[in-house]
N, C-alpha and C. Protein backbone atom coordinates (compact mmCIF):
# COMPACT_ATOMS: atom_id res chain seq x y z
N MET A 1 42.21 30.95 102.15
CA MET A 1 40.96 31.09 102.69
C MET A 1 41.08 31.09 104.23
N ILE A 2 40.34 32.03 104.81
CA ILE A 2 40.25 32.16 106.43
C ILE A 2 39.10 32.07 106.84
N THR A 3 38.94 30.85 107.86
CA THR A 3 37.63 30.97 108.53
C THR A 3 37.86 31.33 110.00
N THR A 4 36.78 31.96 110.45
CA THR A 4 36.90 32.40 111.77
C THR A 4 35.69 31.84 112.61
N LEU A 5 36.13 31.28 113.81
CA LEU A 5 35.19 30.69 114.70
C LEU A 5 35.28 31.46 116.05
N SER A 6 34.17 31.46 116.72
CA SER A 6 34.34 32.08 118.01
C SER A 6 34.66 31.24 119.28
N GLN A 7 34.67 29.97 118.92
CA GLN A 7 34.98 28.94 119.98
C GLN A 7 35.83 27.68 119.16
N ALA A 8 36.97 27.41 119.60
CA ALA A 8 37.74 26.33 118.98
C ALA A 8 36.95 25.09 119.05
N PRO A 9 37.06 24.47 117.81
CA PRO A 9 36.39 23.07 117.60
C PRO A 9 37.26 22.16 118.23
N ASP A 10 36.86 20.73 118.56
CA ASP A 10 37.58 19.67 119.09
C ASP A 10 38.60 19.13 118.11
N SER A 11 38.27 19.25 116.64
CA SER A 11 39.06 18.71 115.75
C SER A 11 39.17 19.62 114.50
N ILE A 12 40.23 19.94 113.90
CA ILE A 12 40.36 20.90 112.73
C ILE A 12 41.14 20.05 111.73
N VAL A 13 40.41 20.23 110.33
CA VAL A 13 41.05 19.72 109.29
C VAL A 13 41.21 20.81 108.23
N LEU A 14 42.48 20.92 107.86
CA LEU A 14 42.81 22.23 106.95
C LEU A 14 43.62 21.63 105.59
N GLU A 15 43.31 22.32 104.64
CA GLU A 15 44.17 21.99 103.33
C GLU A 15 45.31 23.05 103.14
N PRO A 16 46.31 22.69 102.48
CA PRO A 16 47.37 23.66 102.40
C PRO A 16 47.12 25.09 101.95
N GLY A 17 47.36 26.07 102.69
CA GLY A 17 46.88 27.41 102.31
C GLY A 17 45.71 27.83 103.09
N GLN A 18 44.94 26.99 103.73
CA GLN A 18 43.80 27.41 104.59
C GLN A 18 44.21 27.73 105.99
N SER A 19 43.53 28.73 106.53
CA SER A 19 43.92 29.19 107.97
C SER A 19 42.52 29.19 108.70
N LEU A 20 42.66 29.00 110.10
CA LEU A 20 41.62 29.07 110.95
C LEU A 20 41.77 30.17 112.01
N ARG A 21 41.04 31.08 112.32
CA ARG A 21 41.12 31.89 113.39
C ARG A 21 40.14 31.54 114.57
N THR A 22 40.61 31.29 115.77
CA THR A 22 39.57 30.81 116.60
C THR A 22 39.97 31.33 117.99
N CYS A 23 39.14 31.31 119.10
CA CYS A 23 39.32 31.89 120.35
C CYS A 23 39.60 30.67 121.24
N VAL A 24 40.78 30.55 122.06
CA VAL A 24 41.08 29.59 122.95
C VAL A 24 41.31 30.08 124.28
N ASP A 25 41.12 29.23 125.23
CA ASP A 25 41.23 29.52 126.58
C ASP A 25 42.86 29.41 126.93
N ALA A 26 43.40 29.98 128.06
CA ALA A 26 44.69 29.63 128.48
C ALA A 26 44.80 28.17 128.93
N GLY A 27 45.90 27.52 128.47
CA GLY A 27 46.08 26.06 128.87
C GLY A 27 45.42 25.23 127.77
N THR A 28 45.03 25.59 126.75
CA THR A 28 44.52 24.75 125.66
C THR A 28 45.68 24.19 125.02
N TRP A 29 45.60 22.81 124.69
CA TRP A 29 46.62 22.02 123.97
C TRP A 29 46.27 21.79 122.61
N LEU A 30 47.17 22.26 121.45
CA LEU A 30 46.93 21.85 120.24
C LEU A 30 47.84 20.57 119.84
N GLN A 31 47.32 19.54 119.35
CA GLN A 31 48.15 18.29 118.97
C GLN A 31 47.98 18.05 117.43
N VAL A 32 49.02 18.04 116.67
CA VAL A 32 49.03 17.90 115.28
C VAL A 32 48.99 16.26 115.11
N ALA A 33 47.77 15.82 114.73
CA ALA A 33 47.80 14.43 114.33
C ALA A 33 48.21 14.16 113.07
N GLU A 34 48.25 15.09 112.10
CA GLU A 34 48.73 14.83 110.67
C GLU A 34 49.16 16.17 109.94
N GLY A 35 50.31 16.12 109.12
CA GLY A 35 50.62 17.43 108.63
C GLY A 35 51.61 18.24 109.32
N ARG A 36 51.67 19.54 108.79
CA ARG A 36 52.51 20.56 109.33
C ARG A 36 51.57 21.90 109.33
N VAL A 37 51.89 22.52 110.36
CA VAL A 37 50.98 23.84 110.49
C VAL A 37 51.82 25.01 111.09
N ARG A 38 51.32 26.18 111.02
CA ARG A 38 51.91 27.35 111.75
C ARG A 38 50.84 27.85 112.48
N VAL A 39 51.21 28.17 113.87
CA VAL A 39 50.28 28.56 114.82
C VAL A 39 50.85 29.99 115.31
N VAL A 40 50.00 31.03 115.15
CA VAL A 40 50.30 32.44 115.53
C VAL A 40 49.45 32.56 116.88
N SER A 41 50.28 32.93 118.04
CA SER A 41 49.63 33.06 119.31
C SER A 41 48.70 34.31 119.60
N PRO A 42 47.99 34.37 120.67
CA PRO A 42 47.25 35.45 120.92
C PRO A 42 48.30 36.74 121.02
N PRO A 43 47.72 37.91 120.72
CA PRO A 43 48.41 39.11 121.05
C PRO A 43 48.90 39.22 122.64
N GLY A 44 50.09 39.61 122.76
CA GLY A 44 50.44 39.96 124.35
C GLY A 44 51.23 41.22 124.28
N TRP A 45 51.46 41.61 125.50
CA TRP A 45 52.28 42.84 125.88
C TRP A 45 53.60 42.53 126.32
N PHE A 46 54.52 43.30 125.93
CA PHE A 46 56.00 43.22 126.47
C PHE A 46 56.46 44.70 126.55
N GLY A 47 56.68 45.36 127.71
CA GLY A 47 57.27 46.59 127.70
C GLY A 47 56.61 47.63 126.91
N GLY A 48 55.33 47.60 126.97
CA GLY A 48 54.45 48.57 126.09
C GLY A 48 54.43 48.19 124.73
N THR A 49 54.88 47.05 124.16
CA THR A 49 54.79 46.57 122.78
C THR A 49 53.98 45.38 122.64
N VAL A 50 53.05 45.43 121.68
CA VAL A 50 52.20 44.33 121.23
C VAL A 50 53.13 43.26 120.51
N PHE A 51 52.97 42.03 120.51
CA PHE A 51 53.78 41.01 120.11
C PHE A 51 52.87 39.75 119.92
N MET A 52 53.23 38.96 118.78
CA MET A 52 52.55 37.65 118.71
C MET A 52 53.83 36.79 118.30
N SER A 53 53.66 35.55 118.95
CA SER A 53 54.69 34.58 118.52
C SER A 53 54.25 33.58 117.61
N GLU A 54 55.08 33.08 116.83
CA GLU A 54 54.71 32.06 115.77
C GLU A 54 55.45 30.77 116.14
N ALA A 55 54.81 29.70 115.74
CA ALA A 55 55.46 28.31 116.03
C ALA A 55 54.99 27.25 114.77
N ALA A 56 56.09 26.63 114.17
CA ALA A 56 55.73 25.71 113.24
C ALA A 56 55.70 24.23 113.94
N LEU A 57 54.62 23.76 113.77
CA LEU A 57 54.46 22.29 114.35
C LEU A 57 54.25 21.20 113.22
N ASP A 58 54.97 20.16 113.53
CA ASP A 58 55.12 18.97 112.73
C ASP A 58 54.03 17.78 113.27
N GLU A 59 53.83 16.87 112.45
CA GLU A 59 52.98 15.72 112.89
C GLU A 59 53.60 15.22 114.27
N GLY A 60 52.74 15.05 115.13
CA GLY A 60 52.99 14.45 116.45
C GLY A 60 53.33 15.40 117.48
N ASP A 61 53.48 16.88 116.97
CA ASP A 61 53.81 17.91 118.01
C ASP A 61 52.67 18.28 118.77
N VAL A 62 52.87 18.76 119.90
CA VAL A 62 51.79 19.26 120.92
C VAL A 62 52.32 20.71 121.32
N HIS A 63 51.33 21.63 121.29
CA HIS A 63 51.63 23.02 121.65
C HIS A 63 50.70 23.46 122.78
N ARG A 64 51.10 23.97 123.82
CA ARG A 64 50.34 24.58 124.82
C ARG A 64 50.12 26.02 124.86
N MET A 65 48.97 26.56 124.85
CA MET A 65 48.70 27.97 124.80
C MET A 65 48.73 28.55 126.21
N GLU A 66 49.80 29.24 126.43
CA GLU A 66 49.99 29.95 127.77
C GLU A 66 48.95 30.97 128.10
N HIS A 67 48.53 31.75 127.07
CA HIS A 67 47.45 32.73 127.49
C HIS A 67 46.30 32.56 126.47
N GLY A 68 45.18 32.77 126.81
CA GLY A 68 43.92 32.61 126.19
C GLY A 68 43.68 33.74 125.14
N GLY A 69 42.99 33.62 124.14
CA GLY A 69 42.84 34.73 123.07
C GLY A 69 42.50 34.11 121.73
N TRP A 70 42.70 34.99 120.67
CA TRP A 70 42.51 34.50 119.41
C TRP A 70 43.85 34.18 118.78
N ILE A 71 43.87 33.04 118.18
CA ILE A 71 44.95 32.41 117.64
C ILE A 71 44.71 32.27 116.04
N GLU A 72 45.69 31.95 115.32
CA GLU A 72 45.59 31.64 113.77
C GLU A 72 46.46 30.48 113.45
N VAL A 73 45.67 29.43 113.07
CA VAL A 73 46.41 28.25 112.67
C VAL A 73 46.40 28.23 110.94
N SER A 74 47.36 27.94 110.33
CA SER A 74 47.52 27.89 108.91
C SER A 74 48.20 26.60 108.54
N ALA A 75 47.59 25.92 107.52
CA ALA A 75 48.11 24.62 107.15
C ALA A 75 49.29 24.90 106.18
N LEU A 76 50.40 24.13 106.43
CA LEU A 76 51.65 24.25 105.52
C LEU A 76 51.41 23.04 104.48
N THR A 77 50.80 21.86 105.00
CA THR A 77 50.49 20.61 104.29
C THR A 77 49.10 20.23 104.69
N PRO A 78 48.58 19.27 103.99
CA PRO A 78 47.24 19.02 104.42
C PRO A 78 47.52 18.51 105.96
N ALA A 79 46.48 19.02 106.90
CA ALA A 79 46.73 18.93 108.34
C ALA A 79 45.34 18.45 109.01
N HIS A 80 45.63 17.86 110.17
CA HIS A 80 44.49 17.57 111.07
C HIS A 80 45.18 17.67 112.44
N LEU A 81 44.38 18.65 113.26
CA LEU A 81 44.72 18.93 114.49
C LEU A 81 43.66 18.52 115.47
N ARG A 82 44.10 18.34 116.61
CA ARG A 82 42.98 17.97 117.80
C ARG A 82 43.24 19.19 118.83
N VAL A 83 42.19 19.65 119.37
CA VAL A 83 42.23 20.68 120.22
C VAL A 83 41.94 20.30 121.55
N HIS A 84 42.45 20.39 122.70
CA HIS A 84 42.22 19.82 123.99
C HIS A 84 42.01 21.01 124.95
N ALA A 85 40.82 21.44 125.30
CA ALA A 85 40.54 22.63 126.21
C ALA A 85 41.03 22.13 127.50
N PRO A 86 41.28 23.13 128.39
CA PRO A 86 41.72 22.85 129.78
C PRO A 86 40.61 22.44 130.57
N ARG A 87 40.98 21.63 131.56
CA ARG A 87 39.90 21.20 132.42
C ARG A 87 39.75 22.06 133.68
N VAL A 88 38.55 22.44 133.83
CA VAL A 88 38.30 23.35 134.94
C VAL A 88 37.19 22.87 135.77
N SER A 89 37.49 22.81 137.23
CA SER A 89 36.35 22.18 137.91
C SER A 89 35.05 23.11 137.95
N PRO A 90 33.88 22.75 137.85
CA PRO A 90 32.82 23.60 137.90
C PRO A 90 32.71 24.64 139.25
N ALA A 91 33.02 24.01 140.30
CA ALA A 91 33.21 24.94 141.56
C ALA A 91 34.23 25.90 141.45
N LEU A 92 35.26 25.71 140.72
CA LEU A 92 36.31 26.88 140.56
C LEU A 92 35.66 27.92 139.56
N VAL A 93 34.93 27.47 138.52
CA VAL A 93 34.61 28.45 137.53
C VAL A 93 33.61 29.34 138.22
N SER A 94 32.55 28.66 139.11
CA SER A 94 31.60 29.48 139.56
C SER A 94 32.12 30.56 140.94
N ALA A 95 33.15 30.02 141.31
CA ALA A 95 33.76 30.98 142.42
C ALA A 95 34.61 32.09 141.84
N SER A 96 34.82 32.08 140.58
CA SER A 96 35.88 32.98 139.99
C SER A 96 34.95 34.03 138.88
N SER A 97 35.81 35.11 138.71
CA SER A 97 35.36 36.11 137.83
C SER A 97 35.00 35.47 136.32
N GLU A 98 35.57 34.29 136.06
CA GLU A 98 35.43 33.63 134.72
C GLU A 98 33.95 33.35 134.44
N ALA A 99 33.17 33.34 135.32
CA ALA A 99 31.79 33.01 135.21
C ALA A 99 31.00 34.21 134.50
N ARG A 100 31.58 35.33 134.66
CA ARG A 100 30.84 36.58 134.09
C ARG A 100 31.48 36.82 132.64
N PRO A 101 30.73 36.84 131.74
CA PRO A 101 31.23 36.98 130.19
C PRO A 101 32.01 38.24 130.11
N VAL A 102 31.57 39.37 130.72
CA VAL A 102 32.45 40.56 130.65
C VAL A 102 33.88 40.48 131.14
N MET A 103 33.98 39.72 132.31
CA MET A 103 35.48 39.57 132.80
C MET A 103 36.18 38.55 131.94
N ARG A 104 35.49 37.71 131.30
CA ARG A 104 36.19 36.71 130.41
C ARG A 104 36.73 37.54 129.15
N PHE A 105 35.79 38.37 128.60
CA PHE A 105 36.12 39.30 127.57
C PHE A 105 37.33 40.17 127.95
N VAL A 106 37.46 40.65 129.03
CA VAL A 106 38.68 41.62 129.53
C VAL A 106 39.86 40.78 129.64
N ARG A 107 39.64 39.49 130.14
CA ARG A 107 40.98 38.69 130.19
C ARG A 107 41.43 38.33 129.00
N LEU A 108 40.61 37.96 127.87
CA LEU A 108 41.01 37.66 126.68
C LEU A 108 41.73 38.80 125.93
N LEU A 109 41.23 39.96 126.24
CA LEU A 109 41.89 41.15 125.63
C LEU A 109 43.13 41.60 126.22
N THR A 110 43.26 41.39 127.44
CA THR A 110 44.45 41.84 128.26
C THR A 110 45.55 40.66 128.50
N GLY A 111 45.08 39.31 128.26
CA GLY A 111 45.88 38.32 128.43
C GLY A 111 46.18 37.88 129.85
N TRP A 112 45.25 38.29 130.79
CA TRP A 112 45.45 37.95 132.28
C TRP A 112 45.02 36.38 132.44
């Protein structure tokens, strides 16, 4: 079963075989509170080739998403994850292009 969300929840509970696809910002931390999961990173570019990396995470592991975009989290055992969004000052957001939805969408597509 695959569930798709447009924004990452604060807490994720998955049964073995379940997957969650969600959008995260660069700098988001995933913390495995219980179980074992596989995380597929957002697509990236390397030398004109699109690639995605995978990481298997065990209970207690923490994984930082270097780039924002769509990730897939799959439970290998019953799992509980906590999602920690990056902290951004309101002044920084309003002063940057991140405040405009179109620029955020472009950043998510390109990995900027």
